[in-house]
Amino acid sequence: MESSKQIHHSPFEAKVIAAIRSVFDPEIPVNVYDLGLIYNLKIDEETSDVDILMTLTSPNCPVAEDMPDQVRDAVKLVEGVGGVRVELTFEPPWDKDMLSESALLELGLL
């Protein structure tokens, strides 16, 4: 029996994820969602506020200050979104095992 990693998202959550996928890491030509940089995405059903916990590929990433703002700005454009809060963490540290299957394909690692 084949296990599926497919997660079914609400249409609203799918729009938020699509917005996050519009932000790309400048050093790796893959979006931050498929890179595995988004550790947690929480949407408040009553207020439509979005809380995002994310990391960067490296704590020394030259866009450390810009990337969370880019994610926040992209999600704010989604119709119906309330407030957006993006928190940056480096625990656990990012590694290539966090790449999605599509990111692995895109990078030629699969």
N, C-alpha and C. Protein backbone atom coordinates (compact mmCIF):
# COMPACT_ATOMS: atom_id res chain seq x y z
N MET A 1 0.84 -1.18 0.00
CA MET A 1 0.00 0.00 0.00
C MET A 1 0.89 1.24 0.00
N GLU A 2 0.62 2.15 -0.91
CA GLU A 2 1.43 3.35 -1.04
C GLU A 2 0.91 4.43 -0.11
N SER A 3 1.82 5.02 0.67
CA SER A 3 1.39 6.10 1.55
C SER A 3 1.45 7.41 0.78
N SER A 4 0.54 8.28 1.07
CA SER A 4 0.48 9.56 0.38
C SER A 4 0.80 10.68 1.35
N LYS A 5 1.64 11.59 0.89
CA LYS A 5 1.97 12.76 1.71
C LYS A 5 1.00 13.90 1.44
N GLN A 6 0.04 13.67 0.55
CA GLN A 6 -0.90 14.73 0.21
C GLN A 6 -1.69 15.17 1.44
N ILE A 7 -1.67 16.45 1.68
CA ILE A 7 -2.45 17.02 2.76
C ILE A 7 -3.53 17.87 2.11
N HIS A 8 -4.74 17.69 2.55
CA HIS A 8 -5.83 18.47 1.96
C HIS A 8 -6.01 19.74 2.77
N HIS A 9 -5.86 20.87 2.08
CA HIS A 9 -5.98 22.17 2.71
C HIS A 9 -7.33 22.79 2.35
N SER A 10 -7.82 23.64 3.23
CA SER A 10 -9.02 24.39 2.89
C SER A 10 -8.68 25.30 1.71
N PRO A 11 -9.69 25.75 0.96
CA PRO A 11 -9.39 26.65 -0.17
C PRO A 11 -8.65 27.92 0.29
N PHE A 12 -9.00 28.44 1.46
CA PHE A 12 -8.34 29.64 1.98
C PHE A 12 -6.88 29.34 2.30
N GLU A 13 -6.64 28.23 2.99
CA GLU A 13 -5.27 27.85 3.32
C GLU A 13 -4.45 27.60 2.05
N ALA A 14 -5.07 27.03 1.04
CA ALA A 14 -4.39 26.79 -0.23
C ALA A 14 -3.96 28.12 -0.87
N LYS A 15 -4.79 29.15 -0.74
CA LYS A 15 -4.44 30.47 -1.28
C LYS A 15 -3.27 31.07 -0.51
N VAL A 16 -3.25 30.88 0.80
CA VAL A 16 -2.15 31.38 1.63
C VAL A 16 -0.86 30.66 1.24
N ILE A 17 -0.93 29.35 1.06
CA ILE A 17 0.25 28.57 0.67
C ILE A 17 0.73 29.01 -0.71
N ALA A 18 -0.19 29.26 -1.63
CA ALA A 18 0.19 29.72 -2.97
C ALA A 18 0.92 31.06 -2.88
N ALA A 19 0.47 31.92 -1.98
CA ALA A 19 1.14 33.22 -1.80
C ALA A 19 2.55 33.01 -1.25
N ILE A 20 2.69 32.10 -0.29
CA ILE A 20 4.02 31.81 0.27
C ILE A 20 4.93 31.24 -0.83
N ARG A 21 4.35 30.42 -1.69
CA ARG A 21 5.14 29.82 -2.78
C ARG A 21 5.60 30.85 -3.81
N SER A 22 5.09 32.07 -3.75
CA SER A 22 5.53 33.11 -4.68
C SER A 22 6.84 33.75 -4.23
N VAL A 23 7.31 33.39 -3.03
CA VAL A 23 8.56 33.93 -2.49
C VAL A 23 9.66 32.90 -2.69
N PHE A 24 10.74 33.32 -3.34
CA PHE A 24 11.84 32.41 -3.67
C PHE A 24 13.10 32.77 -2.89
N ASP A 25 13.83 31.75 -2.50
CA ASP A 25 15.14 31.94 -1.89
C ASP A 25 16.07 32.47 -2.99
N PRO A 26 16.81 33.54 -2.74
CA PRO A 26 17.64 34.12 -3.80
C PRO A 26 18.84 33.24 -4.18
N GLU A 27 19.23 32.33 -3.30
CA GLU A 27 20.40 31.50 -3.58
C GLU A 27 20.04 30.15 -4.20
N ILE A 28 18.81 29.70 -3.96
CA ILE A 28 18.34 28.42 -4.48
C ILE A 28 17.06 28.71 -5.26
N PRO A 29 16.96 28.32 -6.52
CA PRO A 29 15.80 28.71 -7.34
C PRO A 29 14.54 27.91 -7.02
N VAL A 30 14.17 27.87 -5.75
CA VAL A 30 12.98 27.15 -5.30
C VAL A 30 12.26 28.04 -4.30
N ASN A 31 10.93 27.95 -4.29
CA ASN A 31 10.17 28.78 -3.36
C ASN A 31 10.37 28.31 -1.92
N VAL A 32 10.12 29.24 -0.98
CA VAL A 32 10.41 28.97 0.43
C VAL A 32 9.54 27.86 1.02
N TYR A 33 8.33 27.67 0.48
CA TYR A 33 7.45 26.61 0.99
C TYR A 33 8.01 25.24 0.64
N ASP A 34 8.36 25.05 -0.64
CA ASP A 34 8.87 23.76 -1.08
C ASP A 34 10.30 23.50 -0.58
N LEU A 35 11.01 24.56 -0.22
CA LEU A 35 12.33 24.38 0.39
C LEU A 35 12.21 23.83 1.81
N GLY A 36 11.01 23.90 2.38
CA GLY A 36 10.84 23.42 3.75
C GLY A 36 11.18 24.48 4.78
N LEU A 37 11.18 25.75 4.35
CA LEU A 37 11.52 26.83 5.28
C LEU A 37 10.34 27.24 6.15
N ILE A 38 9.13 26.80 5.80
CA ILE A 38 7.95 27.11 6.60
C ILE A 38 7.74 25.96 7.58
N TYR A 39 8.01 26.21 8.85
CA TYR A 39 7.89 25.16 9.86
C TYR A 39 6.46 25.01 10.37
N ASN A 40 5.73 26.11 10.42
CA ASN A 40 4.36 26.04 10.92
C ASN A 40 3.54 27.15 10.28
N LEU A 41 2.32 26.80 9.91
CA LEU A 41 1.37 27.75 9.34
C LEU A 41 0.07 27.56 10.09
N LYS A 42 -0.37 28.62 10.76
CA LYS A 42 -1.59 28.53 11.54
C LYS A 42 -2.51 29.67 11.13
N ILE A 43 -3.76 29.31 10.82
CA ILE A 43 -4.75 30.31 10.42
C ILE A 43 -5.88 30.28 11.43
N ASP A 44 -6.16 31.43 12.02
CA ASP A 44 -7.26 31.55 12.97
C ASP A 44 -8.56 31.57 12.18
N GLU A 45 -9.43 30.60 12.43
CA GLU A 45 -10.67 30.49 11.65
C GLU A 45 -11.62 31.67 11.86
N GLU A 46 -11.57 32.29 13.02
CA GLU A 46 -12.49 33.41 13.30
C GLU A 46 -11.99 34.73 12.73
N THR A 47 -10.70 35.02 12.89
CA THR A 47 -10.17 36.32 12.47
C THR A 47 -9.44 36.30 11.14
N SER A 48 -9.14 35.09 10.64
CA SER A 48 -8.33 34.90 9.42
C SER A 48 -6.92 35.46 9.57
N ASP A 49 -6.47 35.60 10.83
CA ASP A 49 -5.09 35.98 11.08
C ASP A 49 -4.20 34.79 10.74
N VAL A 50 -3.02 35.07 10.21
CA VAL A 50 -2.10 34.02 9.80
C VAL A 50 -0.81 34.15 10.60
N ASP A 51 -0.42 33.07 11.26
CA ASP A 51 0.85 33.00 11.98
C ASP A 51 1.75 32.02 11.25
N ILE A 52 2.95 32.47 10.95
CA ILE A 52 3.91 31.65 10.21
C ILE A 52 5.21 31.57 11.01
N LEU A 53 5.67 30.35 11.20
CA LEU A 53 6.98 30.12 11.81
C LEU A 53 7.88 29.61 10.70
N MET A 54 8.96 30.34 10.44
CA MET A 54 9.83 29.96 9.33
C MET A 54 11.29 30.04 9.73
N THR A 55 12.11 29.47 8.87
CA THR A 55 13.55 29.53 9.05
C THR A 55 14.18 29.96 7.74
N LEU A 56 15.48 30.00 7.72
CA LEU A 56 16.24 30.30 6.51
C LEU A 56 17.21 29.15 6.28
N THR A 57 17.74 29.04 5.08
CA THR A 57 18.66 27.95 4.80
C THR A 57 19.92 28.07 5.65
N SER A 58 20.24 29.29 6.09
CA SER A 58 21.41 29.51 6.92
C SER A 58 21.19 30.74 7.80
N PRO A 59 21.64 30.70 9.06
CA PRO A 59 21.52 31.89 9.91
C PRO A 59 22.29 33.08 9.33
N ASN A 60 23.28 32.80 8.49
CA ASN A 60 24.07 33.87 7.87
C ASN A 60 23.52 34.30 6.52
N CYS A 61 22.31 33.85 6.22
CA CYS A 61 21.66 34.18 4.95
C CYS A 61 21.63 35.70 4.78
N PRO A 62 22.10 36.19 3.61
CA PRO A 62 22.14 37.65 3.40
C PRO A 62 20.76 38.32 3.36
N VAL A 63 19.70 37.53 3.21
CA VAL A 63 18.36 38.12 3.16
C VAL A 63 17.59 37.85 4.46
N ALA A 64 18.31 37.58 5.53
CA ALA A 64 17.67 37.22 6.79
C ALA A 64 16.62 38.23 7.21
N GLU A 65 16.88 39.50 6.98
CA GLU A 65 15.91 40.51 7.38
C GLU A 65 14.79 40.68 6.36
N ASP A 66 15.08 40.40 5.10
CA ASP A 66 14.11 40.65 4.03
C ASP A 66 13.11 39.52 3.80
N MET A 67 13.55 38.29 3.91
CA MET A 67 12.68 37.17 3.53
C MET A 67 11.41 37.08 4.37
N PRO A 68 11.47 37.21 5.71
CA PRO A 68 10.20 37.19 6.47
C PRO A 68 9.25 38.30 6.02
N ASP A 69 9.80 39.47 5.69
CA ASP A 69 8.95 40.57 5.21
C ASP A 69 8.33 40.23 3.85
N GLN A 70 9.10 39.56 3.00
CA GLN A 70 8.58 39.16 1.69
C GLN A 70 7.43 38.17 1.86
N VAL A 71 7.59 37.22 2.78
CA VAL A 71 6.53 36.24 3.05
C VAL A 71 5.31 36.96 3.60
N ARG A 72 5.51 37.84 4.57
CA ARG A 72 4.40 38.59 5.18
C ARG A 72 3.65 39.39 4.11
N ASP A 73 4.40 40.12 3.27
CA ASP A 73 3.78 40.96 2.24
C ASP A 73 3.00 40.12 1.24
N ALA A 74 3.53 38.95 0.87
CA ALA A 74 2.83 38.08 -0.09
C ALA A 74 1.52 37.57 0.50
N VAL A 75 1.55 37.15 1.77
CA VAL A 75 0.34 36.61 2.41
C VAL A 75 -0.69 37.70 2.62
N LYS A 76 -0.25 38.92 2.92
CA LYS A 76 -1.19 40.04 3.12
C LYS A 76 -2.02 40.31 1.87
N LEU A 77 -1.51 39.94 0.70
CA LEU A 77 -2.23 40.17 -0.56
C LEU A 77 -3.39 39.20 -0.79
N VAL A 78 -3.43 38.12 0.01
CA VAL A 78 -4.50 37.14 -0.15
C VAL A 78 -5.81 37.74 0.36
N GLU A 79 -6.82 37.70 -0.48
CA GLU A 79 -8.12 38.27 -0.11
C GLU A 79 -8.67 37.57 1.13
N GLY A 80 -9.08 38.37 2.11
CA GLY A 80 -9.69 37.82 3.31
C GLY A 80 -8.73 37.61 4.48
N VAL A 81 -7.43 37.76 4.24
CA VAL A 81 -6.46 37.57 5.33
C VAL A 81 -6.57 38.71 6.31
N GLY A 82 -6.55 38.36 7.60
CA GLY A 82 -6.52 39.38 8.66
C GLY A 82 -5.09 39.83 8.85
N GLY A 83 -4.62 39.75 10.07
CA GLY A 83 -3.24 40.11 10.35
C GLY A 83 -2.30 38.97 9.96
N VAL A 84 -1.05 39.32 9.71
CA VAL A 84 -0.04 38.32 9.36
C VAL A 84 1.16 38.53 10.28
N ARG A 85 1.56 37.44 10.94
CA ARG A 85 2.74 37.50 11.80
C ARG A 85 3.71 36.42 11.34
N VAL A 86 4.94 36.82 11.07
CA VAL A 86 5.97 35.88 10.64
C VAL A 86 7.07 35.90 11.70
N GLU A 87 7.34 34.72 12.25
CA GLU A 87 8.39 34.58 13.25
C GLU A 87 9.52 33.75 12.66
N LEU A 88 10.75 34.19 12.89
CA LEU A 88 11.92 33.51 12.37
C LEU A 88 12.55 32.67 13.47
N THR A 89 12.92 31.44 13.14
CA THR A 89 13.59 30.56 14.10
C THR A 89 14.72 29.81 13.38
N PHE A 90 15.66 29.35 14.16
CA PHE A 90 16.72 28.51 13.60
C PHE A 90 16.78 27.18 14.33
N GLU A 91 15.70 26.84 15.02
CA GLU A 91 15.59 25.57 15.73
C GLU A 91 14.36 24.83 15.23
N PRO A 92 14.46 23.67 14.66
CA PRO A 92 15.71 23.01 14.32
C PRO A 92 16.35 23.66 13.10
N PRO A 93 17.66 23.51 12.95
CA PRO A 93 18.32 24.07 11.77
C PRO A 93 17.79 23.42 10.50
N TRP A 94 17.69 24.20 9.44
CA TRP A 94 17.23 23.68 8.15
C TRP A 94 18.29 22.76 7.56
N ASP A 95 17.85 21.69 6.90
CA ASP A 95 18.75 20.88 6.10
C ASP A 95 18.00 20.36 4.88
N LYS A 96 18.73 19.77 3.94
CA LYS A 96 18.11 19.39 2.65
C LYS A 96 17.03 18.33 2.79
N ASP A 97 16.96 17.64 3.91
CA ASP A 97 15.90 16.65 4.11
C ASP A 97 14.52 17.31 4.22
N MET A 98 14.49 18.62 4.39
CA MET A 98 13.22 19.35 4.51
C MET A 98 12.65 19.75 3.15
N LEU A 99 13.40 19.51 2.09
CA LEU A 99 12.93 19.84 0.74
C LEU A 99 11.72 18.98 0.37
N SER A 100 10.75 19.60 -0.29
CA SER A 100 9.61 18.82 -0.78
C SER A 100 10.05 18.00 -1.98
N GLU A 101 9.22 17.06 -2.38
CA GLU A 101 9.53 16.23 -3.55
C GLU A 101 9.68 17.10 -4.80
N SER A 102 8.81 18.11 -4.95
CA SER A 102 8.91 18.96 -6.14
C SER A 102 10.19 19.79 -6.12
N ALA A 103 10.65 20.20 -4.94
CA ALA A 103 11.91 20.94 -4.84
C ALA A 103 13.08 20.02 -5.21
N LEU A 104 13.04 18.79 -4.74
CA LEU A 104 14.10 17.83 -5.08
C LEU A 104 14.16 17.60 -6.59
N LEU A 105 12.99 17.49 -7.21
CA LEU A 105 12.93 17.32 -8.67
C LEU A 105 13.51 18.54 -9.37
N GLU A 106 13.09 19.73 -8.91
CA GLU A 106 13.52 20.98 -9.53
C GLU A 106 15.03 21.16 -9.44
N LEU A 107 15.61 20.69 -8.34
CA LEU A 107 17.05 20.82 -8.14
C LEU A 107 17.84 19.64 -8.71
N GLY A 108 17.13 18.68 -9.30
CA GLY A 108 17.78 17.52 -9.88
C GLY A 108 18.34 16.56 -8.85
N LEU A 109 17.74 16.53 -7.67
CA LEU A 109 18.22 15.67 -6.59
C LEU A 109 17.38 14.40 -6.42
N LEU A 110 16.41 14.21 -7.31
CA LEU A 110 15.54 13.04 -7.20
C LEU A 110 15.64 12.19 -8.44
